Amino acid sequence: MTTYATHSTPYDPPRPHLPFPSLRSPHAEDFEEGALRWAGEQGLVHGRRAEAYWRQVGLGEVSARAYPYAQASTGLLLTCWIGWTACVERYFDEPAASPPGELLALVERLAGTGEALPVRHPLAVALAGLWQDTVPLMPAHWSRHLAVNLAGYVHACAAESQDQGGDPQMVGVEEFFEQRRLTVGSYVYCDLVELSVGFAVPDGLYRSQVFRRMRQVWNDLTSLVNDLASVPKELATGDMLHNLVLLTHRQDAIPLDRAARQVATRIEDLAKTFTRLEEQLETEAGRQGLPDGDREGVRRCVQAMGRSSPESSGGTSSAPGTRRSLACLEPRIRRDCDVRS
């Protein structure tokens, strides 16, 4: 008979082998301090407790590893984006958090027209400012991709906050992945990889089946590495739904360390799939007749995706609710959203 893990259960996460060199920007400390100042100016961080949480997450280090190729100014902007998502998730982690209507309206407007709305809620104000600072740096088609994925992400987080306390036996593995692909925010982070190298993947290639599959694999890979790291956090909160290690531990009634090893094996398999897809993407770029300069830019983006260390200093959790959250979006936005990869 399996004894289910609790917050006091010893846990030593396995370290799956990933064939991607781990790089780090030398500007981590500057990213951390600059983004913290920005968050304070935006009203997202108040007082010592909030600042301590921000520093515990270690956003400067996360950004330095996630976007190692970014120039200093771009890296700071990217760190502010990561900080904003951390604040969104922190907001929705609070018990009975009510969806901020202004934020939901803003992401829908951005996904529909690309234009911001007048807003007052701090999360919405901060997003509007980030959008204004970011959009001039990239082509219009990239901004649309980002806006659509932002809308899916925020709606999924809102749905997650209303769907706590579910039965882990009711969530299958495939359903887990489908529901997780929006709430973890990786599609947004993946769009930001393009910003980090200063090149937008051409729209036709971005929408190709192979690149959508590559983004999905990168999303799942990042999510599962996060799951390995965040087991103690979910055990402490009693959350067995939103971490594949704990979900497997509960559903299959196997020891926690065995469930973690299974997830580590899945991570290694995803890394191999990503490498195979790189070759397929080269073939697709040739089929679409991309010029040499664009093909080199695509290679830089894919290299940056692979080199982005999917390491987490504390982890974020996601929850069922993706399907319901997508129903909140206009049909055109639902159709384009990356969750349908």
C-alpha atoms as a PDB file:
ATOM      1  CA  MET A   1       0.000   0.000   0.000  1.00  0.00           C
ATOM      2  CA  THR A   2       1.431   3.373  -1.038  1.00  0.00           C
ATOM      3  CA  THR A   3       1.829   6.050   1.607  1.00  0.00           C
ATOM      4  CA  TYR A   4       1.039   9.383  -0.006  1.00  0.00           C
ATOM      5  CA  ALA A   5       3.589  12.163   0.344  1.00  0.00           C
ATOM      6  CA  THR A   6       3.074  15.093   2.677  1.00  0.00           C
ATOM      7  CA  HIS A   7       4.874  18.389   3.181  1.00  0.00           C
ATOM      8  CA  SER A   8       7.364  16.603   5.474  1.00  0.00           C
ATOM      9  CA  THR A   9       8.247  13.841   2.984  1.00  0.00           C
ATOM     10  CA  PRO A  10      11.963  13.953   2.012  1.00  0.00           C
ATOM     11  CA  TYR A  11      12.364  14.829  -1.642  1.00  0.00           C
ATOM     12  CA  ASP A  12      15.510  14.838  -3.753  1.00  0.00           C
ATOM     13  CA  PRO A  13      14.536  15.701  -7.346  1.00  0.00           C
ATOM     14  CA  PRO A  14      16.243  13.742 -10.117  1.00  0.00           C
ATOM     15  CA  ARG A  15      18.317  15.712 -12.601  1.00  0.00           C
ATOM     16  CA  PRO A  16      17.383  14.714 -16.147  1.00  0.00           C
ATOM     17  CA  HIS A  17      20.025  15.004 -18.831  1.00  0.00           C
ATOM     18  CA  LEU A  18      19.310  17.841 -21.251  1.00  0.00           C
ATOM     19  CA  PRO A  19      21.468  18.197 -24.375  1.00  0.00           C
ATOM     20  CA  PHE A  20      21.377  22.001 -24.214  1.00  0.00           C
ATOM     21  CA  PRO A  21      24.309  23.938 -22.750  1.00  0.00           C
ATOM     22  CA  SER A  22      23.191  26.114 -19.864  1.00  0.00           C
ATOM     23  CA  LEU A  23      24.109  29.722 -20.567  1.00  0.00           C
ATOM     24  CA  ARG A  24      23.705  32.779 -18.360  1.00  0.00           C
ATOM     25  CA  SER A  25      23.656  36.483 -19.083  1.00  0.00           C
ATOM     26  CA  PRO A  26      26.221  38.439 -17.019  1.00  0.00           C
ATOM     27  CA  HIS A  27      23.554  41.034 -16.174  1.00  0.00           C
ATOM     28  CA  ALA A  28      21.439  39.023 -13.703  1.00  0.00           C
ATOM     29  CA  GLU A  29      21.970  41.399 -10.781  1.00  0.00           C
ATOM     30  CA  ASP A  30      21.154  44.463 -12.887  1.00  0.00           C
ATOM     31  CA  PHE A  31      18.024  42.729 -14.169  1.00  0.00           C
ATOM     32  CA  GLU A  32      16.946  41.937 -10.619  1.00  0.00           C
ATOM     33  CA  GLU A  33      17.380  45.450  -9.252  1.00  0.00           C
ATOM     34  CA  GLY A  34      15.997  47.209 -12.323  1.00  0.00           C
ATOM     35  CA  ALA A  35      12.898  45.021 -12.471  1.00  0.00           C
ATOM     36  CA  LEU A  36      12.317  45.469  -8.736  1.00  0.00           C
ATOM     37  CA  ARG A  37      12.408  49.256  -9.163  1.00  0.00           C
ATOM     38  CA  TRP A  38       9.970  48.949 -12.066  1.00  0.00           C
ATOM     39  CA  ALA A  39       7.613  46.768 -10.023  1.00  0.00           C
ATOM     40  CA  GLY A  40       7.655  49.282  -7.188  1.00  0.00           C
ATOM     41  CA  GLU A  41       6.895  52.156  -9.557  1.00  0.00           C
ATOM     42  CA  GLN A  42       3.993  50.150 -11.002  1.00  0.00           C
ATOM     43  CA  GLY A  43       2.522  49.452  -7.583  1.00  0.00           C
ATOM     44  CA  LEU A  44       3.081  45.703  -7.933  1.00  0.00           C
ATOM     45  CA  VAL A  45       5.450  45.365  -4.977  1.00  0.00           C
ATOM     46  CA  HIS A  46       4.512  46.946  -1.648  1.00  0.00           C
ATOM     47  CA  GLY A  47       6.605  46.649   1.496  1.00  0.00           C
ATOM     48  CA  ARG A  48       9.256  44.282   2.752  1.00  0.00           C
ATOM     49  CA  ARG A  49       7.177  41.109   2.532  1.00  0.00           C
ATOM     50  CA  ALA A  50       6.393  41.604  -1.139  1.00  0.00           C
ATOM     51  CA  GLU A  51       9.989  42.566  -1.879  1.00  0.00           C
ATOM     52  CA  ALA A  52      11.214  39.460  -0.049  1.00  0.00           C
ATOM     53  CA  TYR A  53       8.915  37.295  -2.178  1.00  0.00           C
ATOM     54  CA  TRP A  54      10.213  38.960  -5.343  1.00  0.00           C
ATOM     55  CA  ARG A  55      13.816  38.327  -4.336  1.00  0.00           C
ATOM     56  CA  GLN A  56      13.025  34.749  -3.319  1.00  0.00           C
ATOM     57  CA  VAL A  57      11.762  34.043  -6.830  1.00  0.00           C
ATOM     58  CA  GLY A  58      15.075  35.369  -8.145  1.00  0.00           C
ATOM     59  CA  LEU A  59      13.727  36.887 -11.331  1.00  0.00           C
ATOM     60  CA  GLY A  60      17.067  38.349 -12.370  1.00  0.00           C
ATOM     61  CA  GLU A  61      18.642  34.905 -12.341  1.00  0.00           C
ATOM     62  CA  VAL A  62      15.631  33.344 -14.067  1.00  0.00           C
ATOM     63  CA  SER A  63      15.780  35.966 -16.814  1.00  0.00           C
ATOM     64  CA  ALA A  64      19.564  35.682 -17.198  1.00  0.00           C
ATOM     65  CA  ARG A  65      19.207  31.952 -17.829  1.00  0.00           C
ATOM     66  CA  ALA A  66      16.004  32.077 -19.861  1.00  0.00           C
ATOM     67  CA  TYR A  67      17.279  34.789 -22.225  1.00  0.00           C
ATOM     68  CA  PRO A  68      21.083  34.568 -22.152  1.00  0.00           C
ATOM     69  CA  TYR A  69      21.523  36.218 -25.559  1.00  0.00           C
ATOM     70  CA  ALA A  70      19.564  39.390 -24.754  1.00  0.00           C
ATOM     71  CA  GLN A  71      21.312  42.741 -24.678  1.00  0.00           C
ATOM     72  CA  ALA A  72      21.253  44.529 -21.315  1.00  0.00           C
ATOM     73  CA  SER A  73      18.322  46.865 -22.070  1.00  0.00           C
ATOM     74  CA  THR A  74      16.250  44.130 -23.688  1.00  0.00           C
ATOM     75  CA  GLY A  75      17.088  41.747 -20.859  1.00  0.00           C
ATOM     76  CA  LEU A  76      15.745  44.218 -18.322  1.00  0.00           C
ATOM     77  CA  LEU A  77      12.511  44.534 -20.302  1.00  0.00           C
ATOM     78  CA  LEU A  78      12.232  40.740 -20.455  1.00  0.00           C
ATOM     79  CA  THR A  79      12.780  40.531 -16.690  1.00  0.00           C
ATOM     80  CA  CYS A  80       9.918  42.973 -16.178  1.00  0.00           C
ATOM     81  CA  TRP A  81       7.719  40.712 -18.320  1.00  0.00           C
ATOM     82  CA  ILE A  82       8.660  37.711 -16.176  1.00  0.00           C
ATOM     83  CA  GLY A  83       8.034  39.777 -13.054  1.00  0.00           C
ATOM     84  CA  TRP A  84       4.608  40.765 -14.346  1.00  0.00           C
ATOM     85  CA  THR A  85       3.635  37.116 -14.904  1.00  0.00           C
ATOM     86  CA  ALA A  86       4.886  36.287 -11.406  1.00  0.00           C
ATOM     87  CA  CYS A  87       2.618  39.016 -10.014  1.00  0.00           C
ATOM     88  CA  VAL A  88      -0.328  37.716 -12.055  1.00  0.00           C
ATOM     89  CA  GLU A  89       0.157  34.216 -10.692  1.00  0.00           C
ATOM     90  CA  ARG A  90       0.698  35.530  -7.173  1.00  0.00           C
ATOM     91  CA  TYR A  91      -2.570  37.477  -7.448  1.00  0.00           C
ATOM     92  CA  PHE A  92      -4.541  34.441  -8.570  1.00  0.00           C
ATOM     93  CA  ASP A  93      -2.918  32.225  -5.921  1.00  0.00           C
ATOM     94  CA  GLU A  94      -4.765  34.181  -3.257  1.00  0.00           C
ATOM     95  CA  PRO A  95      -7.899  32.433  -1.941  1.00  0.00           C
ATOM     96  CA  ALA A  96     -11.059  33.464  -3.774  1.00  0.00           C
ATOM     97  CA  ALA A  97      -9.229  35.953  -5.980  1.00  0.00           C
ATOM     98  CA  SER A  98     -11.711  37.754  -8.201  1.00  0.00           C
ATOM     99  CA  PRO A  99     -10.657  38.143 -11.835  1.00  0.00           C
ATOM    100  CA  PRO A 100      -9.621  41.770 -12.416  1.00  0.00           C
ATOM    101  CA  GLY A 101     -12.072  42.839 -15.082  1.00  0.00           C
ATOM    102  CA  GLU A 102      -9.796  45.562 -16.438  1.00  0.00           C
ATOM    103  CA  LEU A 103      -6.981  43.075 -17.041  1.00  0.00           C
ATOM    104  CA  LEU A 104      -9.263  40.628 -18.830  1.00  0.00           C
ATOM    105  CA  ALA A 105     -10.696  43.423 -20.961  1.00  0.00           C
ATOM    106  CA  LEU A 106      -7.217  44.722 -21.779  1.00  0.00           C
ATOM    107  CA  VAL A 107      -5.819  41.397 -23.004  1.00  0.00           C
ATOM    108  CA  GLU A 108      -8.924  40.811 -25.117  1.00  0.00           C
ATOM    109  CA  ARG A 109      -8.534  44.269 -26.679  1.00  0.00           C
ATOM    110  CA  LEU A 110      -4.836  43.695 -27.357  1.00  0.00           C
ATOM    111  CA  ALA A 111      -5.598  40.336 -28.980  1.00  0.00           C
ATOM    112  CA  GLY A 112      -8.370  41.880 -31.043  1.00  0.00           C
ATOM    113  CA  THR A 113      -6.966  45.238 -32.149  1.00  0.00           C
ATOM    114  CA  GLY A 114      -3.484  45.603 -30.661  1.00  0.00           C
ATOM    115  CA  GLU A 115      -4.582  48.816 -28.939  1.00  0.00           C
ATOM    116  CA  ALA A 116      -4.615  49.300 -25.176  1.00  0.00           C
ATOM    117  CA  LEU A 117      -7.520  50.532 -23.049  1.00  0.00           C
ATOM    118  CA  PRO A 118      -7.469  53.171 -20.289  1.00  0.00           C
ATOM    119  CA  VAL A 119      -6.982  51.114 -17.104  1.00  0.00           C
ATOM    120  CA  ARG A 120      -6.350  51.649 -13.397  1.00  0.00           C
ATOM    121  CA  HIS A 121      -5.785  48.191 -11.917  1.00  0.00           C
ATOM    122  CA  PRO A 122      -2.026  47.849 -11.210  1.00  0.00           C
ATOM    123  CA  LEU A 123      -1.676  44.593 -13.153  1.00  0.00           C
ATOM    124  CA  ALA A 124      -3.434  46.115 -16.143  1.00  0.00           C
ATOM    125  CA  VAL A 125      -1.484  49.382 -15.945  1.00  0.00           C
ATOM    126  CA  ALA A 126       1.792  47.464 -15.798  1.00  0.00           C
ATOM    127  CA  LEU A 127       0.806  45.339 -18.799  1.00  0.00           C
ATOM    128  CA  ALA A 128      -0.207  48.380 -20.818  1.00  0.00           C
ATOM    129  CA  GLY A 129       3.188  49.948 -20.092  1.00  0.00           C
ATOM    130  CA  LEU A 130       5.075  46.789 -21.030  1.00  0.00           C
ATOM    131  CA  TRP A 131       3.080  46.551 -24.233  1.00  0.00           C
ATOM    132  CA  GLN A 132       3.860  50.147 -25.129  1.00  0.00           C
ATOM    133  CA  ASP A 133       7.586  49.602 -24.514  1.00  0.00           C
ATOM    134  CA  THR A 134       7.737  46.289 -26.380  1.00  0.00           C
ATOM    135  CA  VAL A 135       5.603  46.643 -29.510  1.00  0.00           C
ATOM    136  CA  PRO A 136       7.868  49.183 -31.295  1.00  0.00           C
ATOM    137  CA  LEU A 137      10.761  46.721 -31.073  1.00  0.00           C
ATOM    138  CA  MET A 138       9.164  43.958 -33.149  1.00  0.00           C
ATOM    139  CA  PRO A 139       7.040  43.488 -36.312  1.00  0.00           C
ATOM    140  CA  ALA A 140       3.246  43.614 -36.203  1.00  0.00           C
ATOM    141  CA  HIS A 141       2.744  39.878 -36.726  1.00  0.00           C
ATOM    142  CA  TRP A 142       4.923  39.123 -33.693  1.00  0.00           C
ATOM    143  CA  SER A 143       2.899  41.528 -31.546  1.00  0.00           C
ATOM    144  CA  ARG A 144      -0.296  39.787 -32.582  1.00  0.00           C
ATOM    145  CA  HIS A 145       1.106  36.385 -31.608  1.00  0.00           C
ATOM    146  CA  LEU A 146       2.121  37.748 -28.215  1.00  0.00           C
ATOM    147  CA  ALA A 147      -1.266  39.397 -27.660  1.00  0.00           C
ATOM    148  CA  VAL A 148      -3.189  36.214 -28.449  1.00  0.00           C
ATOM    149  CA  ASN A 149      -1.021  34.159 -26.104  1.00  0.00           C
ATOM    150  CA  LEU A 150      -1.333  36.796 -23.377  1.00  0.00           C
ATOM    151  CA  ALA A 151      -5.103  36.606 -23.638  1.00  0.00           C
ATOM    152  CA  GLY A 152      -5.075  32.842 -23.334  1.00  0.00           C
ATOM    153  CA  TYR A 153      -2.689  32.991 -20.405  1.00  0.00           C
ATOM    154  CA  VAL A 154      -4.609  35.545 -18.339  1.00  0.00           C
ATOM    155  CA  HIS A 155      -7.971  33.871 -18.953  1.00  0.00           C
ATOM    156  CA  ALA A 156      -6.496  30.504 -18.007  1.00  0.00           C
ATOM    157  CA  CYS A 157      -5.092  31.937 -14.762  1.00  0.00           C
ATOM    158  CA  ALA A 158      -8.481  33.445 -13.983  1.00  0.00           C
ATOM    159  CA  ALA A 159     -10.193  30.115 -14.593  1.00  0.00           C
ATOM    160  CA  GLU A 160      -7.568  28.329 -12.504  1.00  0.00           C
ATOM    161  CA  SER A 161      -8.342  30.466  -9.478  1.00  0.00           C
ATOM    162  CA  GLN A 162     -11.980  29.378  -9.639  1.00  0.00           C
ATOM    163  CA  ASP A 163     -11.141  25.683  -9.971  1.00  0.00           C
ATOM    164  CA  GLN A 164      -9.281  24.756  -6.795  1.00  0.00           C
ATOM    165  CA  GLY A 165      -9.822  21.638  -4.745  1.00  0.00           C
ATOM    166  CA  GLY A 166     -10.565  19.249  -7.619  1.00  0.00           C
ATOM    167  CA  ASP A 167     -10.110  15.492  -7.553  1.00  0.00           C
ATOM    168  CA  PRO A 168      -6.703  14.411  -8.894  1.00  0.00           C
ATOM    169  CA  GLN A 169      -8.212  11.113 -10.002  1.00  0.00           C
ATOM    170  CA  MET A 170     -10.371  13.013 -12.508  1.00  0.00           C
ATOM    171  CA  VAL A 171      -7.486  14.517 -14.516  1.00  0.00           C
ATOM    172  CA  GLY A 172      -5.765  12.386 -17.170  1.00  0.00           C
ATOM    173  CA  VAL A 173      -2.203  13.003 -18.315  1.00  0.00           C
ATOM    174  CA  GLU A 174      -3.199  14.305 -21.743  1.00  0.00           C
ATOM    175  CA  GLU A 175      -5.829  16.547 -20.192  1.00  0.00           C
ATOM    176  CA  PHE A 176      -3.193  17.757 -17.746  1.00  0.00           C
ATOM    177  CA  PHE A 177      -0.931  18.853 -20.608  1.00  0.00           C
ATOM    178  CA  GLU A 178      -3.725  20.471 -22.580  1.00  0.00           C
ATOM    179  CA  GLN A 179      -4.852  22.443 -19.583  1.00  0.00           C
ATOM    180  CA  ARG A 180      -1.313  23.279 -18.484  1.00  0.00           C
ATOM    181  CA  ARG A 181      -0.097  24.755 -21.770  1.00  0.00           C
ATOM    182  CA  LEU A 182      -1.754  28.102 -21.175  1.00  0.00           C
ATOM    183  CA  THR A 183      -1.586  28.573 -17.422  1.00  0.00           C
ATOM    184  CA  VAL A 184       2.162  28.028 -17.123  1.00  0.00           C
ATOM    185  CA  GLY A 185       2.750  31.011 -19.428  1.00  0.00           C
ATOM    186  CA  SER A 186       5.402  29.325 -21.578  1.00  0.00           C
ATOM    187  CA  TYR A 187       3.825  30.393 -24.876  1.00  0.00           C
ATOM    188  CA  VAL A 188       4.270  33.992 -23.773  1.00  0.00           C
ATOM    189  CA  TYR A 189       7.845  33.276 -22.682  1.00  0.00           C
ATOM    190  CA  CYS A 190       8.496  31.553 -26.011  1.00  0.00           C
ATOM    191  CA  ASP A 191       7.345  34.639 -27.916  1.00  0.00           C
ATOM    192  CA  LEU A 192       9.740  36.640 -25.770  1.00  0.00           C
ATOM    193  CA  VAL A 193      12.605  34.395 -26.902  1.00  0.00           C
ATOM    194  CA  GLU A 194      12.224  36.024 -30.323  1.00  0.00           C
ATOM    195  CA  LEU A 195      12.441  39.454 -28.706  1.00  0.00           C
ATOM    196  CA  SER A 196      15.579  38.356 -26.850  1.00  0.00           C
ATOM    197  CA  VAL A 197      17.442  37.680 -30.116  1.00  0.00           C
ATOM    198  CA  GLY A 198      15.859  40.572 -32.013  1.00  0.00           C
ATOM    199  CA  PHE A 199      14.224  38.458 -34.711  1.00  0.00           C
ATOM    200  CA  ALA A 200      10.572  37.554 -35.322  1.00  0.00           C
ATOM    201  CA  VAL A 201       9.933  34.161 -36.888  1.00  0.00           C
ATOM    202  CA  PRO A 202       8.110  34.787 -40.197  1.00  0.00           C
ATOM    203  CA  ASP A 203       4.376  34.392 -39.822  1.00  0.00           C
ATOM    204  CA  GLY A 204       4.045  31.504 -42.255  1.00  0.00           C
ATOM    205  CA  LEU A 205       6.702  29.465 -40.485  1.00  0.00           C
ATOM    206  CA  TYR A 206       5.345  30.412 -37.053  1.00  0.00           C
ATOM    207  CA  ARG A 207       1.981  28.946 -38.057  1.00  0.00           C
ATOM    208  CA  SER A 208       3.481  25.802 -39.576  1.00  0.00           C
ATOM    209  CA  GLN A 209       2.702  22.495 -37.931  1.00  0.00           C
ATOM    210  CA  VAL A 210       6.338  21.752 -37.156  1.00  0.00           C
ATOM    211  CA  PHE A 211       7.023  25.081 -35.415  1.00  0.00           C
ATOM    212  CA  ARG A 212       3.784  24.904 -33.438  1.00  0.00           C
ATOM    213  CA  ARG A 213       4.758  21.405 -32.354  1.00  0.00           C
ATOM    214  CA  MET A 214       8.231  22.645 -31.414  1.00  0.00           C
ATOM    215  CA  ARG A 215       6.738  25.395 -29.228  1.00  0.00           C
ATOM    216  CA  GLN A 216       4.436  22.846 -27.620  1.00  0.00           C
ATOM    217  CA  VAL A 217       7.350  20.528 -26.822  1.00  0.00           C
ATOM    218  CA  TRP A 218       9.362  23.455 -25.415  1.00  0.00           C
ATOM    219  CA  ASN A 219       6.351  24.401 -23.304  1.00  0.00           C
ATOM    220  CA  ASP A 220       5.917  20.880 -21.940  1.00  0.00           C
ATOM    221  CA  LEU A 221       9.650  20.513 -21.304  1.00  0.00           C
ATOM    222  CA  THR A 222       9.805  23.766 -19.368  1.00  0.00           C
ATOM    223  CA  SER A 223       6.671  22.885 -17.403  1.00  0.00           C
ATOM    224  CA  LEU A 224       7.932  19.487 -16.335  1.00  0.00           C
ATOM    225  CA  VAL A 225      11.355  20.743 -15.259  1.00  0.00           C
ATOM    226  CA  ASN A 226       9.399  23.234 -13.185  1.00  0.00           C
ATOM    227  CA  ASP A 227       7.279  20.400 -11.772  1.00  0.00           C
ATOM    228  CA  LEU A 228      10.352  18.518 -10.579  1.00  0.00           C
ATOM    229  CA  ALA A 229      11.553  21.625  -8.745  1.00  0.00           C
ATOM    230  CA  SER A 230       8.225  22.726  -7.273  1.00  0.00           C
ATOM    231  CA  VAL A 231       7.084  19.475  -5.617  1.00  0.00           C
ATOM    232  CA  PRO A 232       7.808  20.815  -2.073  1.00  0.00           C
ATOM    233  CA  LYS A 233       5.754  23.930  -2.807  1.00  0.00           C
ATOM    234  CA  GLU A 234       2.711  21.941  -3.974  1.00  0.00           C
ATOM    235  CA  LEU A 235       3.044  19.475  -1.088  1.00  0.00           C
ATOM    236  CA  ALA A 236       3.050  22.390   1.356  1.00  0.00           C
ATOM    237  CA  THR A 237      -0.198  23.724  -0.111  1.00  0.00           C
ATOM    238  CA  GLY A 238      -1.808  20.312  -0.621  1.00  0.00           C
ATOM    239  CA  ASP A 239      -2.085  20.910  -4.374  1.00  0.00           C
ATOM    240  CA  MET A 240      -2.018  17.506  -6.099  1.00  0.00           C
ATOM    241  CA  LEU A 241      -3.665  18.592  -9.371  1.00  0.00           C
ATOM    242  CA  HIS A 242      -1.170  20.918 -10.973  1.00  0.00           C
ATOM    243  CA  ASN A 243       2.124  19.049 -10.835  1.00  0.00           C
ATOM    244  CA  LEU A 244       2.697  15.931 -12.925  1.00  0.00           C
ATOM    245  CA  VAL A 245       4.976  14.350 -10.310  1.00  0.00           C
ATOM    246  CA  LEU A 246       2.272  14.556  -7.655  1.00  0.00           C
ATOM    247  CA  LEU A 247      -0.509  13.692 -10.084  1.00  0.00           C
ATOM    248  CA  THR A 248       1.352  10.523 -11.115  1.00  0.00           C
ATOM    249  CA  HIS A 249       2.169   9.737  -7.484  1.00  0.00           C
ATOM    250  CA  ARG A 250      -1.518   9.909  -6.560  1.00  0.00           C
ATOM    251  CA  GLN A 251      -3.133   8.359  -9.632  1.00  0.00           C
ATOM    252  CA  ASP A 252      -0.717   5.448 -10.042  1.00  0.00           C
ATOM    253  CA  ALA A 253      -0.246   4.943  -6.288  1.00  0.00           C
ATOM    254  CA  ILE A 254       3.540   4.779  -6.646  1.00  0.00           C
ATOM    255  CA  PRO A 255       6.264   6.232  -4.400  1.00  0.00           C
ATOM    256  CA  LEU A 256       7.075   9.893  -4.892  1.00  0.00           C
ATOM    257  CA  ASP A 257      10.659   9.251  -6.005  1.00  0.00           C
ATOM    258  CA  ARG A 258       9.475   6.793  -8.657  1.00  0.00           C
ATOM    259  CA  ALA A 259       6.925   9.300  -9.962  1.00  0.00           C
ATOM    260  CA  ALA A 260       9.683  11.915 -10.153  1.00  0.00           C
ATOM    261  CA  ARG A 261      11.925   9.550 -12.125  1.00  0.00           C
ATOM    262  CA  GLN A 262       9.093   8.919 -14.585  1.00  0.00           C
ATOM    263  CA  VAL A 263       8.700  12.655 -15.129  1.00  0.00           C
ATOM    264  CA  ALA A 264      12.482  13.006 -15.558  1.00  0.00           C
ATOM    265  CA  THR A 265      12.385  10.334 -18.271  1.00  0.00           C
ATOM    266  CA  ARG A 266       9.546  12.172 -19.992  1.00  0.00           C
ATOM    267  CA  ILE A 267      11.657  15.356 -19.907  1.00  0.00           C
ATOM    268  CA  GLU A 268      14.568  13.596 -21.591  1.00  0.00           C
ATOM    269  CA  ASP A 269      12.232  12.202 -24.268  1.00  0.00           C
ATOM    270  CA  LEU A 270      10.849  15.691 -24.923  1.00  0.00           C
ATOM    271  CA  ALA A 271      14.387  17.045 -25.323  1.00  0.00           C
ATOM    272  CA  LYS A 272      15.089  14.390 -27.951  1.00  0.00           C
ATOM    273  CA  THR A 273      11.861  15.294 -29.753  1.00  0.00           C
ATOM    274  CA  PHE A 274      12.828  18.963 -29.755  1.00  0.00           C
ATOM    275  CA  THR A 275      16.176  18.111 -31.366  1.00  0.00           C
ATOM    276  CA  ARG A 276      14.462  16.077 -34.100  1.00  0.00           C
ATOM    277  CA  LEU A 277      12.045  18.934 -34.763  1.00  0.00           C
ATOM    278  CA  GLU A 278      14.959  21.309 -35.350  1.00  0.00           C
ATOM    279  CA  GLU A 279      15.855  19.323 -38.469  1.00  0.00           C
ATOM    280  CA  GLN A 280      12.246  19.269 -39.638  1.00  0.00           C
ATOM    281  CA  LEU A 281      12.009  23.025 -39.177  1.00  0.00           C
ATOM    282  CA  GLU A 282      15.038  23.529 -41.438  1.00  0.00           C
ATOM    283  CA  THR A 283      13.254  21.494 -44.117  1.00  0.00           C
ATOM    284  CA  GLU A 284      10.050  23.498 -43.684  1.00  0.00           C
ATOM    285  CA  ALA A 285      11.921  26.805 -43.931  1.00  0.00           C
ATOM    286  CA  GLY A 286      13.398  25.627 -47.222  1.00  0.00           C
ATOM    287  CA  ARG A 287      10.020  24.471 -48.482  1.00  0.00           C
ATOM    288  CA  GLN A 288       8.566  27.904 -47.746  1.00  0.00           C
ATOM    289  CA  GLY A 289      11.425  29.562 -49.636  1.00  0.00           C
ATOM    290  CA  LEU A 290      12.703  31.684 -46.749  1.00  0.00           C
ATOM    291  CA  PRO A 291      15.737  33.777 -47.708  1.00  0.00           C
ATOM    292  CA  ASP A 292      19.074  32.968 -46.105  1.00  0.00           C
ATOM    293  CA  GLY A 293      18.864  35.877 -43.658  1.00  0.00           C
ATOM    294  CA  ASP A 294      15.499  34.732 -42.324  1.00  0.00           C
ATOM    295  CA  ARG A 295      16.646  31.135 -42.084  1.00  0.00           C
ATOM    296  CA  GLU A 296      19.629  32.252 -40.011  1.00  0.00           C
ATOM    297  CA  GLY A 297      17.307  34.295 -37.789  1.00  0.00           C
ATOM    298  CA  VAL A 298      15.106  31.240 -37.256  1.00  0.00           C
ATOM    299  CA  ARG A 299      18.178  29.224 -36.280  1.00  0.00           C
ATOM    300  CA  ARG A 300      19.063  31.874 -33.691  1.00  0.00           C
ATOM    301  CA  CYS A 301      15.568  31.683 -32.228  1.00  0.00           C
ATOM    302  CA  VAL A 302      15.615  27.891 -32.035  1.00  0.00           C
ATOM    303  CA  GLN A 303      19.096  27.967 -30.523  1.00  0.00           C
ATOM    304  CA  ALA A 304      17.872  30.447 -27.920  1.00  0.00           C
ATOM    305  CA  MET A 305      14.894  28.214 -27.131  1.00  0.00           C
ATOM    306  CA  GLY A 306      17.208  25.263 -26.574  1.00  0.00           C
ATOM    307  CA  ARG A 307      19.761  27.225 -24.577  1.00  0.00           C
ATOM    308  CA  SER A 308      17.114  28.811 -22.366  1.00  0.00           C
ATOM    309  CA  SER A 309      17.618  26.825 -19.197  1.00  0.00           C
ATOM    310  CA  PRO A 310      14.180  25.635 -18.060  1.00  0.00           C
ATOM    311  CA  GLU A 311      15.279  25.930 -14.454  1.00  0.00           C
ATOM    312  CA  SER A 312      13.006  27.251 -11.761  1.00  0.00           C
ATOM    313  CA  SER A 313      13.843  28.781  -8.417  1.00  0.00           C
ATOM    314  CA  GLY A 314      10.441  28.198  -6.931  1.00  0.00           C
ATOM    315  CA  GLY A 315       8.064  27.072  -9.587  1.00  0.00           C
ATOM    316  CA  THR A 316       4.614  28.056 -10.629  1.00  0.00           C
ATOM    317  CA  SER A 317       1.603  25.827 -10.691  1.00  0.00           C
ATOM    318  CA  SER A 318      -1.169  25.626 -13.189  1.00  0.00           C
ATOM    319  CA  ALA A 319      -4.660  24.293 -13.005  1.00  0.00           C
ATOM    320  CA  PRO A 320      -7.515  22.826 -14.996  1.00  0.00           C
ATOM    321  CA  GLY A 321      -9.660  25.443 -16.596  1.00  0.00           C
ATOM    322  CA  THR A 322      -8.059  26.005 -19.979  1.00  0.00           C
ATOM    323  CA  ARG A 323     -11.081  24.944 -21.981  1.00  0.00           C
ATOM    324  CA  ARG A 324     -13.390  27.121 -19.944  1.00  0.00           C
ATOM    325  CA  SER A 325     -11.007  30.048 -20.124  1.00  0.00           C
ATOM    326  CA  LEU A 326     -10.760  29.795 -23.906  1.00  0.00           C
ATOM    327  CA  ALA A 327     -14.527  30.006 -24.114  1.00  0.00           C
ATOM    328  CA  CYS A 328     -14.178  33.558 -22.786  1.00  0.00           C
ATOM    329  CA  LEU A 329     -12.252  34.564 -25.906  1.00  0.00           C
ATOM    330  CA  GLU A 330     -13.664  35.597 -29.238  1.00  0.00           C
ATOM    331  CA  PRO A 331     -13.815  32.668 -31.716  1.00  0.00           C
ATOM    332  CA  ARG A 332     -11.044  34.188 -33.857  1.00  0.00           C
ATOM    333  CA  ILE A 333      -8.726  34.415 -30.856  1.00  0.00           C
ATOM    334  CA  ARG A 334      -9.596  30.882 -29.757  1.00  0.00           C
ATOM    335  CA  ARG A 335      -8.745  29.641 -33.244  1.00  0.00           C
ATOM    336  CA  ASP A 336      -5.323  31.275 -33.251  1.00  0.00           C
ATOM    337  CA  CYS A 337      -4.311  30.487 -29.694  1.00  0.00           C
ATOM    338  CA  ASP A 338      -1.292  28.205 -29.344  1.00  0.00           C
ATOM    339  CA  VAL A 339      -3.154  25.763 -27.112  1.00  0.00           C
ATOM    340  CA  ARG A 340      -4.526  24.238 -30.300  1.00  0.00           C
ATOM    341  CA  SER A 341      -1.033  23.330 -31.511  1.00  0.00           C
END
